[in-house]
Amino acid sequence: MLTKNRKQRIIKEVGIHDLDTGSADVQVGILTKRIDELSRHLKKNPKDKHSRRGLLGMVADRQSHLRYLQKKNNRRYNSLIKKLGLKK
């Protein structure tokens, strides 16, 4: 579970400005951290089908945000991919 402090740290890392909470960059950063945590949970609990469904939804949501960002601002998209260590 993402705590308030972790979210703020993510916002400072990938946000455009300090109060930025809704941009695609921040949304992708938060979704990436939640996906990482849920992936670790599913490795320990492989029969948890409900969490797996939630994970797939988050991955699809992140992909949508990334596609939007790539269309609107390719330079920000490339820098975000490098910061988060995602594959293209």
Protein backbone atom coordinates (compact mmCIF):
# COMPACT_ATOMS: atom_id res chain seq x y z
CA MET A 1 0.00 0.00 0.00
CA LEU A 2 1.32 3.41 -0.92
CA THR A 3 1.62 5.71 2.05
CA LYS A 4 1.22 9.46 1.85
CA ASN A 5 4.99 9.98 2.11
CA ARG A 6 5.73 7.56 -0.73
CA LYS A 7 3.19 9.28 -2.97
CA GLN A 8 4.71 12.67 -2.21
CA ARG A 9 8.17 11.31 -3.04
CA ILE A 10 6.88 10.00 -6.38
CA ILE A 11 5.24 13.34 -7.12
CA LYS A 12 8.54 15.16 -6.45
CA GLU A 13 10.42 12.71 -8.69
CA VAL A 14 8.19 12.76 -11.76
CA GLY A 15 5.88 15.74 -11.31
CA ILE A 16 6.09 18.86 -13.42
CA HIS A 17 5.79 21.14 -10.37
CA ASP A 18 5.38 20.68 -6.59
CA LEU A 19 1.58 20.70 -6.47
CA ASP A 20 1.21 18.46 -9.53
CA THR A 21 -1.02 15.49 -8.64
CA GLY A 22 -3.05 14.87 -11.77
CA SER A 23 -0.69 15.00 -14.74
CA ALA A 24 -0.09 11.87 -16.77
CA ASP A 25 3.50 11.73 -15.49
CA VAL A 26 2.41 11.51 -11.86
CA GLN A 27 -0.39 9.08 -12.62
CA VAL A 28 2.03 6.74 -14.40
CA GLY A 29 4.53 7.00 -11.53
CA ILE A 30 1.95 6.13 -8.89
CA LEU A 31 0.50 3.30 -10.98
CA THR A 32 3.99 1.89 -11.52
CA LYS A 33 4.69 1.73 -7.79
CA ARG A 34 1.30 0.13 -7.10
CA ILE A 35 1.90 -2.41 -9.89
CA ASP A 36 5.31 -3.29 -8.41
CA GLU A 37 3.81 -3.84 -4.96
CA LEU A 38 0.94 -5.93 -6.30
CA SER A 39 3.32 -8.01 -8.42
CA ARG A 40 5.34 -8.88 -5.32
CA HIS A 41 2.12 -9.85 -3.53
CA LEU A 42 1.05 -12.10 -6.39
CA LYS A 43 4.40 -13.90 -6.41
CA LYS A 44 3.75 -14.91 -2.79
CA ASN A 45 0.03 -15.60 -3.36
CA PRO A 46 -0.39 -17.07 -6.84
CA LYS A 47 -4.02 -18.11 -6.29
CA ASP A 48 -5.25 -14.59 -5.54
CA LYS A 49 -7.30 -14.14 -8.72
CA HIS A 50 -9.08 -10.98 -7.59
CA SER A 51 -5.83 -9.10 -7.06
CA ARG A 52 -4.56 -10.35 -10.42
CA ARG A 53 -7.62 -8.83 -12.10
CA GLY A 54 -6.92 -5.52 -10.36
CA LEU A 55 -3.30 -5.68 -11.49
CA LEU A 56 -4.33 -6.16 -15.11
CA GLY A 57 -6.63 -3.16 -14.85
CA MET A 58 -3.83 -1.01 -13.47
CA VAL A 59 -1.47 -2.11 -16.23
CA ALA A 60 -4.07 -1.21 -18.87
CA ASP A 61 -4.66 2.17 -17.21
CA ARG A 62 -0.93 2.92 -17.11
CA GLN A 63 -0.61 1.96 -20.77
CA SER A 64 -3.41 4.37 -21.66
CA HIS A 65 -1.70 7.21 -19.80
CA LEU A 66 1.61 6.41 -21.50
CA ARG A 67 0.01 6.39 -24.97
CA TYR A 68 -1.60 9.77 -24.23
CA LEU A 69 1.70 11.21 -23.02
CA GLN A 70 3.56 9.90 -26.05
CA LYS A 71 1.07 11.57 -28.39
CA LYS A 72 1.06 14.90 -26.55
CA ASN A 73 4.71 15.30 -25.53
CA ASN A 74 7.21 12.72 -26.73
CA ARG A 75 10.14 14.30 -24.87
CA ARG A 76 8.35 14.04 -21.49
CA TYR A 77 7.34 10.47 -22.37
CA ASN A 78 10.95 9.45 -23.03
CA SER A 79 12.26 11.07 -19.85
CA LEU A 80 9.51 9.40 -17.78
CA ILE A 81 10.31 5.98 -19.24
CA LYS A 82 13.97 6.45 -18.27
CA LYS A 83 13.12 7.67 -14.75
CA LEU A 84 10.81 4.76 -14.01
CA GLY A 85 12.86 2.13 -15.84
CA LEU A 86 10.00 0.97 -18.06
CA LYS A 87 10.29 -0.73 -21.42
CA LYS A 88 9.04 1.05 -24.52
